[in-house]
Amino acid sequence: MKKIHKTLLFLLTVGPVFFFSAGAFCQETPWDSYIDEGSKAYSEQDFAEAEKQYLAALKEAEKLGPQDFRLITSLDSLASLYEAQGRWVEAEPLYQRTVVLQENLLGLEHPDVADNLNNLAGVYKAQGKYSEAEPLYKRALAIREKANGPDHPDVAESLDNLTMVYKTEGKYVEAEALYKRALAMSEKALGPEHMKVATTLKNYASLLRLMNRKDEAELLDARAKAILTKRDLGNLSR
C-alpha cells in the first residue's frame, strides 16, 4: 500500500475530531462519525467500507460550503483511498478540487497546497501524464523551499519526485542536476554512509547509464555497494 497521506495519518492518530466553523465550536456530528469509521476501515484495508463512509462524509461536507475545512478533508480522504487502490481516474478530480479549495482558503504558497499539488502530480504520473505532473512537482518544490528552507525532508521528497519525471521524459540533464543536489543534501543531513545516500547513488548511477556514462555509473555503484556492505557487516557484529 502507498504511504498514508497526512490527512489520513492525522485522522487515524487522533480519532474523533472537532472543528471550528464560522467561529462556533462544533462537537461530534454525523460527519465526524463517517470520517472516523472511514479512517478505521482504511487502516484495516477494508476499502469498500472506507469508500462508503468517506462518500457519506463528503455528502455531509458539501452542505457546509467551500469555506469549511471538512470539505477539503473529505475530498482528500476519498482521493487518498482511491489512490491507494490505483483508481487514478477517480482520484484525479478530487485532488484537483482539493487544490483549488486550499488555494482559496490558505493562499497559493501554503505548505498544505504543496502537499496536494504533490498528490495530484503523483496521480498524473501514475497515468503517464508526465507533462501535467512536471509543473505541479516544480510548484510544490518551490513552495516547500520557500516555507521550509532548502534542506527540509519535504524538499528532498519533491526533488525525488521531479527527478523521476525528468528521467522518464528523457530530460537527463535536468535530472542529473537534481540528483547532484539530492546527493549533497543527503550527505549533509545524514552523513556520507547513510542508506539514503546509497539509494540516491544507485538512482544517479542508473541515470548515468541512460546517458552512456558507464564508467561514472560504476563508480557510484561501487560507493553505494560499499555503504551497504558496511551496514550489513555492522548488523552481523551486533
C-alpha atoms as a PDB file:
ATOM      1  CA  MET A   1       0.000   0.000   0.000  1.00  0.00           C
ATOM      2  CA  LYS A   2       1.183   3.539  -0.656  1.00  0.00           C
ATOM      3  CA  LYS A   3       2.092   5.612   2.349  1.00  0.00           C
ATOM      4  CA  ILE A   4      -0.836   7.147   4.187  1.00  0.00           C
ATOM      5  CA  HIS A   5      -1.432  10.773   3.329  1.00  0.00           C
ATOM      6  CA  LYS A   6      -1.049  13.405   6.009  1.00  0.00           C
ATOM      7  CA  THR A   7      -4.782  13.980   6.356  1.00  0.00           C
ATOM      8  CA  LEU A   8      -5.478  10.290   6.898  1.00  0.00           C
ATOM      9  CA  LEU A   9      -2.489   9.908   9.195  1.00  0.00           C
ATOM     10  CA  PHE A  10      -3.869  12.721  11.349  1.00  0.00           C
ATOM     11  CA  LEU A  11      -7.334  11.190  11.447  1.00  0.00           C
ATOM     12  CA  LEU A  12      -6.034   7.728  12.263  1.00  0.00           C
ATOM     13  CA  THR A  13      -3.904   9.152  15.068  1.00  0.00           C
ATOM     14  CA  VAL A  14      -6.303  11.462  16.877  1.00  0.00           C
ATOM     15  CA  GLY A  15      -9.551   9.509  16.448  1.00  0.00           C
ATOM     16  CA  PRO A  16     -12.700  11.649  16.872  1.00  0.00           C
ATOM     17  CA  VAL A  17     -12.070  15.199  15.697  1.00  0.00           C
ATOM     18  CA  PHE A  18     -13.584  18.606  16.352  1.00  0.00           C
ATOM     19  CA  PHE A  19     -13.720  21.599  14.033  1.00  0.00           C
ATOM     20  CA  PHE A  20     -14.269  25.337  14.162  1.00  0.00           C
ATOM     21  CA  SER A  21     -16.778  26.586  11.634  1.00  0.00           C
ATOM     22  CA  ALA A  22     -17.906  30.191  11.311  1.00  0.00           C
ATOM     23  CA  GLY A  23     -16.488  30.897  14.753  1.00  0.00           C
ATOM     24  CA  ALA A  24     -18.532  28.208  16.503  1.00  0.00           C
ATOM     25  CA  PHE A  25     -17.156  25.104  18.176  1.00  0.00           C
ATOM     26  CA  CYS A  26     -18.701  22.058  16.568  1.00  0.00           C
ATOM     27  CA  GLN A  27     -18.793  18.856  18.572  1.00  0.00           C
ATOM     28  CA  GLU A  28     -19.399  15.338  17.286  1.00  0.00           C
ATOM     29  CA  THR A  29     -21.538  15.381  14.144  1.00  0.00           C
ATOM     30  CA  PRO A  30     -22.577  12.778  11.563  1.00  0.00           C
ATOM     31  CA  TRP A  31     -19.614  13.975   9.507  1.00  0.00           C
ATOM     32  CA  ASP A  32     -17.216  13.151  12.345  1.00  0.00           C
ATOM     33  CA  SER A  33     -18.677   9.667  12.659  1.00  0.00           C
ATOM     34  CA  TYR A  34     -18.395   8.991   8.930  1.00  0.00           C
ATOM     35  CA  ILE A  35     -14.765  10.179   8.849  1.00  0.00           C
ATOM     36  CA  ASP A  36     -13.852   8.176  11.949  1.00  0.00           C
ATOM     37  CA  GLU A  37     -15.438   4.995  10.599  1.00  0.00           C
ATOM     38  CA  GLY A  38     -13.884   5.545   7.179  1.00  0.00           C
ATOM     39  CA  SER A  39     -10.426   6.030   8.682  1.00  0.00           C
ATOM     40  CA  LYS A  40     -10.834   2.911  10.805  1.00  0.00           C
ATOM     41  CA  ALA A  41     -11.882   0.859   7.777  1.00  0.00           C
ATOM     42  CA  TYR A  42      -8.982   2.304   5.764  1.00  0.00           C
ATOM     43  CA  SER A  43      -6.486   1.279   8.451  1.00  0.00           C
ATOM     44  CA  GLU A  44      -7.933  -2.251   8.305  1.00  0.00           C
ATOM     45  CA  GLN A  45      -7.728  -2.196   4.475  1.00  0.00           C
ATOM     46  CA  ASP A  46     -11.486  -2.612   4.224  1.00  0.00           C
ATOM     47  CA  PHE A  47     -11.584  -0.290   1.246  1.00  0.00           C
ATOM     48  CA  ALA A  48     -15.210  -0.885   0.324  1.00  0.00           C
ATOM     49  CA  GLU A  49     -16.386   0.183   3.769  1.00  0.00           C
ATOM     50  CA  ALA A  50     -13.952   3.102   3.825  1.00  0.00           C
ATOM     51  CA  GLU A  51     -15.318   4.335   0.500  1.00  0.00           C
ATOM     52  CA  LYS A  52     -18.887   4.082   1.759  1.00  0.00           C
ATOM     53  CA  GLN A  53     -18.082   6.133   4.866  1.00  0.00           C
ATOM     54  CA  TYR A  54     -15.986   8.728   3.051  1.00  0.00           C
ATOM     55  CA  LEU A  55     -18.692   9.256   0.439  1.00  0.00           C
ATOM     56  CA  ALA A  56     -21.187   9.821   3.247  1.00  0.00           C
ATOM     57  CA  ALA A  57     -18.773  12.275   4.881  1.00  0.00           C
ATOM     58  CA  LEU A  58     -18.369  14.113   1.580  1.00  0.00           C
ATOM     59  CA  LYS A  59     -22.129  14.368   1.154  1.00  0.00           C
ATOM     60  CA  GLU A  60     -22.384  15.945   4.625  1.00  0.00           C
ATOM     61  CA  ALA A  61     -19.461  18.279   3.952  1.00  0.00           C
ATOM     62  CA  GLU A  62     -20.960  19.536   0.683  1.00  0.00           C
ATOM     63  CA  LYS A  63     -23.777  21.059   2.759  1.00  0.00           C
ATOM     64  CA  LEU A  64     -21.270  23.165   4.709  1.00  0.00           C
ATOM     65  CA  GLY A  65     -19.918  25.115   1.752  1.00  0.00           C
ATOM     66  CA  PRO A  66     -16.438  25.663   0.279  1.00  0.00           C
ATOM     67  CA  GLN A  67     -15.196  27.679   3.276  1.00  0.00           C
ATOM     68  CA  ASP A  68     -15.409  24.717   5.652  1.00  0.00           C
ATOM     69  CA  PHE A  69     -12.254  22.629   6.009  1.00  0.00           C
ATOM     70  CA  ARG A  70     -14.314  19.485   6.424  1.00  0.00           C
ATOM     71  CA  LEU A  71     -14.977  19.583   2.699  1.00  0.00           C
ATOM     72  CA  ILE A  72     -11.234  19.555   1.981  1.00  0.00           C
ATOM     73  CA  THR A  73     -10.691  16.734   4.452  1.00  0.00           C
ATOM     74  CA  SER A  74     -13.483  14.682   2.887  1.00  0.00           C
ATOM     75  CA  LEU A  75     -12.179  15.156  -0.648  1.00  0.00           C
ATOM     76  CA  ASP A  76      -8.593  14.428   0.339  1.00  0.00           C
ATOM     77  CA  SER A  77      -9.531  11.314   2.314  1.00  0.00           C
ATOM     78  CA  LEU A  78     -11.546   9.858  -0.552  1.00  0.00           C
ATOM     79  CA  ALA A  79      -8.857  10.734  -3.097  1.00  0.00           C
ATOM     80  CA  SER A  80      -6.214   9.073  -0.924  1.00  0.00           C
ATOM     81  CA  LEU A  81      -8.345   5.949  -0.714  1.00  0.00           C
ATOM     82  CA  TYR A  82      -8.764   5.791  -4.474  1.00  0.00           C
ATOM     83  CA  GLU A  83      -5.035   6.401  -4.970  1.00  0.00           C
ATOM     84  CA  ALA A  84      -4.176   3.536  -2.609  1.00  0.00           C
ATOM     85  CA  GLN A  85      -6.232   1.260  -4.864  1.00  0.00           C
ATOM     86  CA  GLY A  86      -4.755   2.569  -8.105  1.00  0.00           C
ATOM     87  CA  ARG A  87      -8.038   4.215  -9.070  1.00  0.00           C
ATOM     88  CA  TRP A  88      -6.259   7.177 -10.605  1.00  0.00           C
ATOM     89  CA  VAL A  89      -9.093   8.455 -12.782  1.00  0.00           C
ATOM     90  CA  GLU A  90     -11.386   8.756  -9.759  1.00  0.00           C
ATOM     91  CA  ALA A  91      -8.706  10.304  -7.535  1.00  0.00           C
ATOM     92  CA  GLU A  92      -7.710  12.953 -10.083  1.00  0.00           C
ATOM     93  CA  PRO A  93     -10.775  15.274  -9.977  1.00  0.00           C
ATOM     94  CA  LEU A  94     -10.912  15.026  -6.167  1.00  0.00           C
ATOM     95  CA  TYR A  95      -7.324  16.202  -5.810  1.00  0.00           C
ATOM     96  CA  GLN A  96      -7.925  18.916  -8.408  1.00  0.00           C
ATOM     97  CA  ARG A  97     -10.825  20.245  -6.403  1.00  0.00           C
ATOM     98  CA  THR A  98      -8.906  19.973  -3.136  1.00  0.00           C
ATOM     99  CA  VAL A  99      -6.070  22.099  -4.523  1.00  0.00           C
ATOM    100  CA  VAL A 100      -8.460  24.841  -5.641  1.00  0.00           C
ATOM    101  CA  LEU A 101     -10.233  24.916  -2.275  1.00  0.00           C
ATOM    102  CA  GLN A 102      -6.933  25.046  -0.386  1.00  0.00           C
ATOM    103  CA  GLU A 103      -5.618  27.833  -2.589  1.00  0.00           C
ATOM    104  CA  ASN A 104      -8.739  29.888  -1.905  1.00  0.00           C
ATOM    105  CA  LEU A 105      -8.662  29.272   1.848  1.00  0.00           C
ATOM    106  CA  LEU A 106      -4.939  29.183   2.608  1.00  0.00           C
ATOM    107  CA  GLY A 107      -3.267  31.075  -0.214  1.00  0.00           C
ATOM    108  CA  LEU A 108      -1.240  29.940  -3.196  1.00  0.00           C
ATOM    109  CA  GLU A 109       2.001  29.323  -1.276  1.00  0.00           C
ATOM    110  CA  HIS A 110       0.803  27.451   1.794  1.00  0.00           C
ATOM    111  CA  PRO A 111       2.659  24.157   2.519  1.00  0.00           C
ATOM    112  CA  ASP A 112      -0.651  22.255   2.574  1.00  0.00           C
ATOM    113  CA  VAL A 113      -1.217  23.364  -1.014  1.00  0.00           C
ATOM    114  CA  ALA A 114       2.177  21.898  -1.894  1.00  0.00           C
ATOM    115  CA  ASP A 115       1.169  18.574  -0.333  1.00  0.00           C
ATOM    116  CA  ASN A 116      -1.866  18.212  -2.576  1.00  0.00           C
ATOM    117  CA  LEU A 117      -0.063  19.548  -5.638  1.00  0.00           C
ATOM    118  CA  ASN A 118       2.326  16.688  -4.961  1.00  0.00           C
ATOM    119  CA  ASN A 119      -0.580  14.238  -4.601  1.00  0.00           C
ATOM    120  CA  LEU A 120      -2.209  15.403  -7.832  1.00  0.00           C
ATOM    121  CA  ALA A 121       1.099  15.237  -9.690  1.00  0.00           C
ATOM    122  CA  GLY A 122       1.557  11.677  -8.446  1.00  0.00           C
ATOM    123  CA  VAL A 123      -1.812  10.708  -9.892  1.00  0.00           C
ATOM    124  CA  TYR A 124      -0.874  12.292 -13.220  1.00  0.00           C
ATOM    125  CA  LYS A 125       2.474  10.464 -13.198  1.00  0.00           C
ATOM    126  CA  ALA A 126       0.787   7.136 -12.484  1.00  0.00           C
ATOM    127  CA  GLN A 127      -1.336   7.658 -15.593  1.00  0.00           C
ATOM    128  CA  GLY A 128       1.649   8.586 -17.746  1.00  0.00           C
ATOM    129  CA  LYS A 129       0.659  12.260 -17.864  1.00  0.00           C
ATOM    130  CA  TYR A 130       4.205  13.461 -17.286  1.00  0.00           C
ATOM    131  CA  SER A 131       3.783  16.850 -18.938  1.00  0.00           C
ATOM    132  CA  GLU A 132       0.964  17.591 -16.491  1.00  0.00           C
ATOM    133  CA  ALA A 133       2.825  16.212 -13.477  1.00  0.00           C
ATOM    134  CA  GLU A 134       6.039  18.155 -14.075  1.00  0.00           C
ATOM    135  CA  PRO A 135       4.771  21.731 -13.463  1.00  0.00           C
ATOM    136  CA  LEU A 136       2.931  20.625 -10.334  1.00  0.00           C
ATOM    137  CA  TYR A 137       6.044  18.983  -8.894  1.00  0.00           C
ATOM    138  CA  LYS A 138       8.010  22.131  -9.717  1.00  0.00           C
ATOM    139  CA  ARG A 139       5.478  24.325  -7.975  1.00  0.00           C
ATOM    140  CA  ALA A 140       5.348  22.053  -4.925  1.00  0.00           C
ATOM    141  CA  LEU A 141       9.150  22.169  -4.741  1.00  0.00           C
ATOM    142  CA  ALA A 142       9.181  25.981  -4.895  1.00  0.00           C
ATOM    143  CA  ILE A 143       6.550  26.292  -2.155  1.00  0.00           C
ATOM    144  CA  ARG A 144       8.370  23.861   0.135  1.00  0.00           C
ATOM    145  CA  GLU A 145      11.719  25.557  -0.384  1.00  0.00           C
ATOM    146  CA  LYS A 146      10.247  28.941   0.486  1.00  0.00           C
ATOM    147  CA  ALA A 147       8.314  27.648   3.510  1.00  0.00           C
ATOM    148  CA  ASN A 148      10.848  25.220   4.984  1.00  0.00           C
ATOM    149  CA  GLY A 149      14.261  26.058   3.583  1.00  0.00           C
ATOM    150  CA  PRO A 150      16.338  24.161   1.005  1.00  0.00           C
ATOM    151  CA  ASP A 151      17.367  21.257   3.259  1.00  0.00           C
ATOM    152  CA  HIS A 152      13.972  20.152   4.597  1.00  0.00           C
ATOM    153  CA  PRO A 153      12.876  16.498   4.083  1.00  0.00           C
ATOM    154  CA  ASP A 154       9.788  17.670   2.162  1.00  0.00           C
ATOM    155  CA  VAL A 155      12.121  19.448  -0.268  1.00  0.00           C
ATOM    156  CA  ALA A 156      14.083  16.231  -0.710  1.00  0.00           C
ATOM    157  CA  GLU A 157      10.822  14.399  -1.462  1.00  0.00           C
ATOM    158  CA  SER A 158       9.919  16.986  -4.115  1.00  0.00           C
ATOM    159  CA  LEU A 159      13.377  16.649  -5.669  1.00  0.00           C
ATOM    160  CA  ASP A 160      12.967  12.876  -5.877  1.00  0.00           C
ATOM    161  CA  ASN A 161       9.545  13.191  -7.493  1.00  0.00           C
ATOM    162  CA  LEU A 162      10.660  15.746 -10.059  1.00  0.00           C
ATOM    163  CA  THR A 163      13.795  13.768 -10.865  1.00  0.00           C
ATOM    164  CA  MET A 164      11.748  10.667 -11.693  1.00  0.00           C
ATOM    165  CA  VAL A 165       9.561  12.658 -14.076  1.00  0.00           C
ATOM    166  CA  TYR A 166      12.580  14.202 -15.804  1.00  0.00           C
ATOM    167  CA  LYS A 167      14.169  10.777 -16.123  1.00  0.00           C
ATOM    168  CA  THR A 168      11.033   9.275 -17.651  1.00  0.00           C
ATOM    169  CA  GLU A 169      10.672  12.206 -20.055  1.00  0.00           C
ATOM    170  CA  GLY A 170      14.269  11.808 -21.202  1.00  0.00           C
ATOM    171  CA  LYS A 171      15.330  15.129 -19.678  1.00  0.00           C
ATOM    172  CA  TYR A 172      18.564  13.664 -18.427  1.00  0.00           C
ATOM    173  CA  VAL A 173      20.498  16.900 -17.956  1.00  0.00           C
ATOM    174  CA  GLU A 174      17.757  18.328 -15.743  1.00  0.00           C
ATOM    175  CA  ALA A 175      17.510  15.043 -13.843  1.00  0.00           C
ATOM    176  CA  GLU A 176      21.258  14.930 -13.221  1.00  0.00           C
ATOM    177  CA  ALA A 177      21.257  18.420 -11.718  1.00  0.00           C
ATOM    178  CA  LEU A 178      18.601  17.333  -9.230  1.00  0.00           C
ATOM    179  CA  TYR A 179      20.408  14.080  -8.394  1.00  0.00           C
ATOM    180  CA  LYS A 180      23.544  16.078  -7.598  1.00  0.00           C
ATOM    181  CA  ARG A 181      21.563  18.359  -5.339  1.00  0.00           C
ATOM    182  CA  ALA A 182      19.728  15.475  -3.643  1.00  0.00           C
ATOM    183  CA  LEU A 183      23.014  13.658  -3.039  1.00  0.00           C
ATOM    184  CA  ALA A 184      24.597  16.742  -1.470  1.00  0.00           C
ATOM    185  CA  MET A 185      21.530  17.252   0.735  1.00  0.00           C
ATOM    186  CA  SER A 186      21.534  13.649   1.943  1.00  0.00           C
ATOM    187  CA  GLU A 187      25.253  13.656   2.690  1.00  0.00           C
ATOM    188  CA  LYS A 188      24.995  16.920   4.615  1.00  0.00           C
ATOM    189  CA  ALA A 189      21.918  15.963   6.624  1.00  0.00           C
ATOM    190  CA  LEU A 190      22.556  12.247   7.193  1.00  0.00           C
ATOM    191  CA  GLY A 191      26.248  11.654   6.652  1.00  0.00           C
ATOM    192  CA  PRO A 192      28.095  10.074   3.706  1.00  0.00           C
ATOM    193  CA  GLU A 193      27.375   6.477   4.738  1.00  0.00           C
ATOM    194  CA  HIS A 194      23.621   6.643   5.268  1.00  0.00           C
ATOM    195  CA  MET A 195      21.225   4.315   3.437  1.00  0.00           C
ATOM    196  CA  LYS A 196      19.503   7.279   1.813  1.00  0.00           C
ATOM    197  CA  VAL A 197      22.846   8.279   0.305  1.00  0.00           C
ATOM    198  CA  ALA A 198      23.294   4.761  -1.088  1.00  0.00           C
ATOM    199  CA  THR A 199      19.822   4.852  -2.636  1.00  0.00           C
ATOM    200  CA  THR A 200      20.497   8.204  -4.295  1.00  0.00           C
ATOM    201  CA  LEU A 201      23.851   6.944  -5.584  1.00  0.00           C
ATOM    202  CA  LYS A 202      22.199   3.910  -7.188  1.00  0.00           C
ATOM    203  CA  ASN A 203      19.457   6.020  -8.763  1.00  0.00           C
ATOM    204  CA  TYR A 204      22.022   8.506 -10.047  1.00  0.00           C
ATOM    205  CA  ALA A 205      24.070   5.639 -11.482  1.00  0.00           C
ATOM    206  CA  SER A 206      21.046   4.320 -13.377  1.00  0.00           C
ATOM    207  CA  LEU A 207      20.620   7.756 -14.954  1.00  0.00           C
ATOM    208  CA  LEU A 208      24.273   7.917 -15.967  1.00  0.00           C
ATOM    209  CA  ARG A 209      23.885   4.583 -17.758  1.00  0.00           C
ATOM    210  CA  LEU A 210      20.998   6.016 -19.737  1.00  0.00           C
ATOM    211  CA  MET A 211      23.363   8.849 -20.674  1.00  0.00           C
ATOM    212  CA  ASN A 212      26.025   6.299 -21.788  1.00  0.00           C
ATOM    213  CA  ARG A 213      28.360   7.334 -18.964  1.00  0.00           C
ATOM    214  CA  LYS A 214      29.040   3.807 -17.744  1.00  0.00           C
ATOM    215  CA  ASP A 215      32.400   4.472 -16.092  1.00  0.00           C
ATOM    216  CA  GLU A 216      30.918   7.175 -13.865  1.00  0.00           C
ATOM    217  CA  ALA A 217      27.930   4.965 -13.111  1.00  0.00           C
ATOM    218  CA  GLU A 218      30.215   2.142 -11.972  1.00  0.00           C
ATOM    219  CA  LEU A 219      31.976   4.461  -9.538  1.00  0.00           C
ATOM    220  CA  LEU A 220      28.687   5.499  -7.964  1.00  0.00           C
ATOM    221  CA  ASP A 221      27.507   1.883  -7.797  1.00  0.00           C
ATOM    222  CA  ALA A 222      30.762   0.885  -6.120  1.00  0.00           C
ATOM    223  CA  ARG A 223      30.322   3.573  -3.495  1.00  0.00           C
ATOM    224  CA  ALA A 224      26.704   2.540  -2.880  1.00  0.00           C
ATOM    225  CA  LYS A 225      27.798  -1.102  -2.566  1.00  0.00           C
ATOM    226  CA  ALA A 226      30.466  -0.129  -0.017  1.00  0.00           C
ATOM    227  CA  ILE A 227      27.870   1.667   2.107  1.00  0.00           C
ATOM    228  CA  LEU A 228      25.521  -1.304   2.012  1.00  0.00           C
ATOM    229  CA  THR A 229      28.302  -3.790   2.753  1.00  0.00           C
ATOM    230  CA  LYS A 230      29.460  -1.788   5.751  1.00  0.00           C
ATOM    231  CA  ARG A 231      25.898  -1.646   7.042  1.00  0.00           C
ATOM    232  CA  ASP A 232      25.472  -5.402   6.647  1.00  0.00           C
ATOM    233  CA  LEU A 233      28.748  -6.103   8.439  1.00  0.00           C
ATOM    234  CA  GLY A 234      27.689  -3.772  11.238  1.00  0.00           C
ATOM    235  CA  ASN A 235      24.423  -5.659  11.630  1.00  0.00           C
ATOM    236  CA  LEU A 236      26.244  -9.010  11.790  1.00  0.00           C
ATOM    237  CA  SER A 237      28.607  -7.787  14.506  1.00  0.00           C
ATOM    238  CA  ARG A 238      25.737  -6.817  16.822  1.00  0.00           C
END
